[in-house]
Amino acid sequence: MAEISNQQIYDLVLEISRDVVELEVSIDELLVDMRAFNQDLAADRQHLMQQVFLQ
């Protein structure tokens, strides 16, 4: 069985850490998009309700 060097372990941990950061950024971007989408839906709903009650 081949031994894994400390450098290989370090490199793997570093790669995993970078991937986790990228994933966190992607999740944050999705949350921002979701909040904007929800605000648009709320505004559309409010506009629609005003249209219904004004008629």
PDB file of N, CA and C in Angstrom:
ATOM      1  N   MET A   1       0.846  -1.180   0.000  1.00  0.00           N
ATOM      2  CA  MET A   1       0.000   0.000   0.000  1.00  0.00           C
ATOM      3  C   MET A   1       0.893   1.246   0.000  1.00  0.00           C
ATOM      4  N   ALA A   2       0.581   2.191  -0.862  1.00  0.00           N
ATOM      5  CA  ALA A   2       1.406   3.394  -0.983  1.00  0.00           C
ATOM      6  C   ALA A   2       1.104   4.367   0.157  1.00  0.00           C
ATOM      7  N   GLU A   3       2.153   4.983   0.626  1.00  0.00           N
ATOM      8  CA  GLU A   3       2.001   5.982   1.681  1.00  0.00           C
ATOM      9  C   GLU A   3       1.586   7.321   1.073  1.00  0.00           C
ATOM     10  N   ILE A   4       0.793   8.050   1.804  1.00  0.00           N
ATOM     11  CA  ILE A   4       0.382   9.384   1.366  1.00  0.00           C
ATOM     12  C   ILE A   4       1.242  10.386   2.129  1.00  0.00           C
ATOM     13  N   SER A   5       1.865  11.269   1.399  1.00  0.00           N
ATOM     14  CA  SER A   5       2.745  12.252   2.033  1.00  0.00           C
ATOM     15  C   SER A   5       1.923  13.372   2.660  1.00  0.00           C
ATOM     16  N   ASN A   6       2.566  14.070   3.565  1.00  0.00           N
ATOM     17  CA  ASN A   6       1.925  15.225   4.194  1.00  0.00           C
ATOM     18  C   ASN A   6       1.554  16.274   3.151  1.00  0.00           C
ATOM     19  N   GLN A   7       2.390  16.430   2.148  1.00  0.00           N
ATOM     20  CA  GLN A   7       2.119  17.408   1.090  1.00  0.00           C
ATOM     21  C   GLN A   7       0.862  17.030   0.316  1.00  0.00           C
ATOM     22  N   GLN A   8       0.696  15.735   0.024  1.00  0.00           N
ATOM     23  CA  GLN A   8      -0.505  15.296  -0.689  1.00  0.00           C
ATOM     24  C   GLN A   8      -1.757  15.543   0.147  1.00  0.00           C
ATOM     25  N   ILE A   9      -1.654  15.281   1.445  1.00  0.00           N
ATOM     26  CA  ILE A   9      -2.784  15.544   2.339  1.00  0.00           C
ATOM     27  C   ILE A   9      -3.089  17.031   2.361  1.00  0.00           C
ATOM     28  N   TYR A  10      -2.059  17.840   2.490  1.00  0.00           N
ATOM     29  CA  TYR A  10      -2.225  19.295   2.492  1.00  0.00           C
ATOM     30  C   TYR A  10      -2.890  19.756   1.195  1.00  0.00           C
ATOM     31  N   ASP A  11      -2.409  19.251   0.062  1.00  0.00           N
ATOM     32  CA  ASP A  11      -2.976  19.631  -1.240  1.00  0.00           C
ATOM     33  C   ASP A  11      -4.446  19.247  -1.345  1.00  0.00           C
ATOM     34  N   LEU A  12      -4.780  18.056  -0.854  1.00  0.00           N
ATOM     35  CA  LEU A  12      -6.180  17.611  -0.881  1.00  0.00           C
ATOM     36  C   LEU A  12      -7.065  18.486  -0.011  1.00  0.00           C
ATOM     37  N   VAL A  13      -6.601  18.787   1.183  1.00  0.00           N
ATOM     38  CA  VAL A  13      -7.365  19.641   2.090  1.00  0.00           C
ATOM     39  C   VAL A  13      -7.544  21.027   1.483  1.00  0.00           C
ATOM     40  N   LEU A  14      -6.502  21.544   0.873  1.00  0.00           N
ATOM     41  CA  LEU A  14      -6.578  22.854   0.232  1.00  0.00           C
ATOM     42  C   LEU A  14      -7.586  22.844  -0.916  1.00  0.00           C
ATOM     43  N   GLU A  15      -7.550  21.812  -1.727  1.00  0.00           N
ATOM     44  CA  GLU A  15      -8.492  21.692  -2.843  1.00  0.00           C
ATOM     45  C   GLU A  15      -9.932  21.596  -2.341  1.00  0.00           C
ATOM     46  N   ILE A  16     -10.140  20.793  -1.311  1.00  0.00           N
ATOM     47  CA  ILE A  16     -11.491  20.667  -0.745  1.00  0.00           C
ATOM     48  C   ILE A  16     -11.954  22.003  -0.177  1.00  0.00           C
ATOM     49  N   SER A  17     -11.077  22.695   0.504  1.00  0.00           N
ATOM     50  CA  SER A  17     -11.422  24.000   1.085  1.00  0.00           C
ATOM     51  C   SER A  17     -11.822  24.995   0.008  1.00  0.00           C
ATOM     52  N   ARG A  18     -11.079  25.011  -1.082  1.00  0.00           N
ATOM     53  CA  ARG A  18     -11.402  25.924  -2.188  1.00  0.00           C
ATOM     54  C   ARG A  18     -12.754  25.564  -2.802  1.00  0.00           C
ATOM     55  N   ASP A  19     -13.015  24.271  -2.949  1.00  0.00           N
ATOM     56  CA  ASP A  19     -14.304  23.834  -3.499  1.00  0.00           C
ATOM     57  C   ASP A  19     -15.460  24.213  -2.580  1.00  0.00           C
ATOM     58  N   VAL A  20     -15.235  24.118  -1.279  1.00  0.00           N
ATOM     59  CA  VAL A  20     -16.269  24.496  -0.312  1.00  0.00           C
ATOM     60  C   VAL A  20     -16.563  25.993  -0.421  1.00  0.00           C
ATOM     61  N   VAL A  21     -15.527  26.786  -0.554  1.00  0.00           N
ATOM     62  CA  VAL A  21     -15.718  28.237  -0.702  1.00  0.00           C
ATOM     63  C   VAL A  21     -16.507  28.541  -1.974  1.00  0.00           C
ATOM     64  N   GLU A  22     -16.174  27.875  -3.068  1.00  0.00           N
ATOM     65  CA  GLU A  22     -16.921  28.078  -4.316  1.00  0.00           C
ATOM     66  C   GLU A  22     -18.384  27.692  -4.145  1.00  0.00           C
ATOM     67  N   LEU A  23     -18.633  26.615  -3.443  1.00  0.00           N
ATOM     68  CA  LEU A  23     -19.999  26.177  -3.186  1.00  0.00           C
ATOM     69  C   LEU A  23     -20.746  27.189  -2.340  1.00  0.00           C
ATOM     70  N   GLU A  24     -20.092  27.715  -1.318  1.00  0.00           N
ATOM     71  CA  GLU A  24     -20.718  28.735  -0.466  1.00  0.00           C
ATOM     72  C   GLU A  24     -21.074  29.975  -1.273  1.00  0.00           C
ATOM     73  N   VAL A  25     -20.191  30.395  -2.159  1.00  0.00           N
ATOM     74  CA  VAL A  25     -20.453  31.571  -3.000  1.00  0.00           C
ATOM     75  C   VAL A  25     -21.647  31.296  -3.910  1.00  0.00           C
ATOM     76  N   SER A  26     -21.707  30.112  -4.486  1.00  0.00           N
ATOM     77  CA  SER A  26     -22.826  29.756  -5.354  1.00  0.00           C
ATOM     78  C   SER A  26     -24.139  29.762  -4.586  1.00  0.00           C
ATOM     79  N   ILE A  27     -24.121  29.233  -3.384  1.00  0.00           N
ATOM     80  CA  ILE A  27     -25.331  29.225  -2.554  1.00  0.00           C
ATOM     81  C   ILE A  27     -25.750  30.646  -2.222  1.00  0.00           C
ATOM     82  N   ASP A  28     -24.796  31.498  -1.867  1.00  0.00           N
ATOM     83  CA  ASP A  28     -25.108  32.905  -1.575  1.00  0.00           C
ATOM     84  C   ASP A  28     -25.731  33.595  -2.786  1.00  0.00           C
ATOM     85  N   GLU A  29     -25.177  33.333  -3.974  1.00  0.00           N
ATOM     86  CA  GLU A  29     -25.737  33.935  -5.191  1.00  0.00           C
ATOM     87  C   GLU A  29     -27.160  33.440  -5.446  1.00  0.00           C
ATOM     88  N   LEU A  30     -27.406  32.162  -5.221  1.00  0.00           N
ATOM     89  CA  LEU A  30     -28.755  31.626  -5.389  1.00  0.00           C
ATOM     90  C   LEU A  30     -29.730  32.245  -4.394  1.00  0.00           C
ATOM     91  N   LEU A  31     -29.288  32.452  -3.162  1.00  0.00           N
ATOM     92  CA  LEU A  31     -30.150  33.081  -2.162  1.00  0.00           C
ATOM     93  C   LEU A  31     -30.496  34.518  -2.550  1.00  0.00           C
ATOM     94  N   VAL A  32     -29.520  35.242  -3.069  1.00  0.00           N
ATOM     95  CA  VAL A  32     -29.774  36.617  -3.521  1.00  0.00           C
ATOM     96  C   VAL A  32     -30.788  36.612  -4.661  1.00  0.00           C
ATOM     97  N   ASP A  33     -30.597  35.704  -5.623  1.00  0.00           N
ATOM     98  CA  ASP A  33     -31.535  35.594  -6.744  1.00  0.00           C
ATOM     99  C   ASP A  33     -32.933  35.228  -6.252  1.00  0.00           C
ATOM    100  N   MET A  34     -33.008  34.306  -5.283  1.00  0.00           N
ATOM    101  CA  MET A  34     -34.298  33.869  -4.754  1.00  0.00           C
ATOM    102  C   MET A  34     -35.009  35.033  -4.054  1.00  0.00           C
ATOM    103  N   ARG A  35     -34.269  35.808  -3.284  1.00  0.00           N
ATOM    104  CA  ARG A  35     -34.885  36.957  -2.596  1.00  0.00           C
ATOM    105  C   ARG A  35     -35.407  37.981  -3.603  1.00  0.00           C
ATOM    106  N   ALA A  36     -34.636  38.244  -4.639  1.00  0.00           N
ATOM    107  CA  ALA A  36     -35.079  39.189  -5.669  1.00  0.00           C
ATOM    108  C   ALA A  36     -36.321  38.660  -6.377  1.00  0.00           C
ATOM    109  N   PHE A  37     -36.329  37.378  -6.683  1.00  0.00           N
ATOM    110  CA  PHE A  37     -37.482  36.762  -7.338  1.00  0.00           C
ATOM    111  C   PHE A  37     -38.715  36.862  -6.444  1.00  0.00           C
ATOM    112  N   ASN A  38     -38.555  36.579  -5.162  1.00  0.00           N
ATOM    113  CA  ASN A  38     -39.676  36.662  -4.231  1.00  0.00           C
ATOM    114  C   ASN A  38     -40.197  38.092  -4.101  1.00  0.00           C
ATOM    115  N   GLN A  39     -39.302  39.067  -4.124  1.00  0.00           N
ATOM    116  CA  GLN A  39     -39.732  40.461  -4.061  1.00  0.00           C
ATOM    117  C   GLN A  39     -40.520  40.832  -5.312  1.00  0.00           C
ATOM    118  N   ASP A  40     -40.057  40.342  -6.466  1.00  0.00           N
ATOM    119  CA  ASP A  40     -40.787  40.594  -7.708  1.00  0.00           C
ATOM    120  C   ASP A  40     -42.174  39.968  -7.655  1.00  0.00           C
ATOM    121  N   LEU A  41     -42.262  38.755  -7.120  1.00  0.00           N
ATOM    122  CA  LEU A  41     -43.563  38.095  -7.001  1.00  0.00           C
ATOM    123  C   LEU A  41     -44.491  38.873  -6.078  1.00  0.00           C
ATOM    124  N   ALA A  42     -43.956  39.346  -4.966  1.00  0.00           N
ATOM    125  CA  ALA A  42     -44.761  40.112  -4.016  1.00  0.00           C
ATOM    126  C   ALA A  42     -45.253  41.410  -4.656  1.00  0.00           C
ATOM    127  N   ALA A  43     -44.393  42.068  -5.403  1.00  0.00           N
ATOM    128  CA  ALA A  43     -44.787  43.309  -6.074  1.00  0.00           C
ATOM    129  C   ALA A  43     -45.848  43.031  -7.132  1.00  0.00           C
ATOM    130  N   ASP A  44     -45.663  41.951  -7.888  1.00  0.00           N
ATOM    131  CA  ASP A  44     -46.655  41.584  -8.905  1.00  0.00           C
ATOM    132  C   ASP A  44     -47.989  41.243  -8.265  1.00  0.00           C
ATOM    133  N   ARG A  45     -47.957  40.515  -7.162  1.00  0.00           N
ATOM    134  CA  ARG A  45     -49.181  40.140  -6.458  1.00  0.00           C
ATOM    135  C   ARG A  45     -49.905  41.383  -5.947  1.00  0.00           C
ATOM    136  N   GLN A  46     -49.135  42.321  -5.381  1.00  0.00           N
ATOM    137  CA  GLN A  46     -49.737  43.543  -4.866  1.00  0.00           C
ATOM    138  C   GLN A  46     -50.346  44.355  -5.999  1.00  0.00           C
ATOM    139  N   HIS A  47     -49.652  44.445  -7.112  1.00  0.00           N
ATOM    140  CA  HIS A  47     -50.159  45.180  -8.265  1.00  0.00           C
ATOM    141  C   HIS A  47     -51.447  44.532  -8.782  1.00  0.00           C
ATOM    142  N   LEU A  48     -51.459  43.217  -8.855  1.00  0.00           N
ATOM    143  CA  LEU A  48     -52.639  42.496  -9.314  1.00  0.00           C
ATOM    144  C   LEU A  48     -53.818  42.726  -8.377  1.00  0.00           C
ATOM    145  N   MET A  49     -53.568  42.683  -7.075  1.00  0.00           N
ATOM    146  CA  MET A  49     -54.653  42.904  -6.116  1.00  0.00           C
ATOM    147  C   MET A  49     -55.201  44.322  -6.237  1.00  0.00           C
ATOM    148  N   GLN A  50     -54.335  45.284  -6.473  1.00  0.00           N
ATOM    149  CA  GLN A  50     -54.803  46.659  -6.648  1.00  0.00           C
ATOM    150  C   GLN A  50     -55.654  46.763  -7.913  1.00  0.00           C
ATOM    151  N   GLN A  51     -55.259  46.083  -8.964  1.00  0.00           N
ATOM    152  CA  GLN A  51     -56.030  46.090 -10.206  1.00  0.00           C
ATOM    153  C   GLN A  51     -57.421  45.497  -9.981  1.00  0.00           C
ATOM    154  N   VAL A  52     -57.481  44.391  -9.242  1.00  0.00           N
ATOM    155  CA  VAL A  52     -58.753  43.705  -8.992  1.00  0.00           C
ATOM    156  C   VAL A  52     -59.676  44.585  -8.179  1.00  0.00           C
ATOM    157  N   PHE A  53     -59.166  45.213  -7.142  1.00  0.00           N
ATOM    158  CA  PHE A  53     -60.017  46.005  -6.259  1.00  0.00           C
ATOM    159  C   PHE A  53     -60.361  47.366  -6.850  1.00  0.00           C
ATOM    160  N   LEU A  54     -59.581  47.847  -7.800  1.00  0.00           N
ATOM    161  CA  LEU A  54     -59.886  49.142  -8.424  1.00  0.00           C
ATOM    162  C   LEU A  54     -60.937  49.021  -9.508  1.00  0.00           C
ATOM    163  N   GLN A  55     -61.177  47.826 -10.002  1.00  0.00           N
ATOM    164  CA  GLN A  55     -62.156  47.654 -11.080  1.00  0.00           C
ATOM    165  C   GLN A  55     -63.559  47.685 -10.556  1.00  0.00           C
TER     166      GLN A  55
END
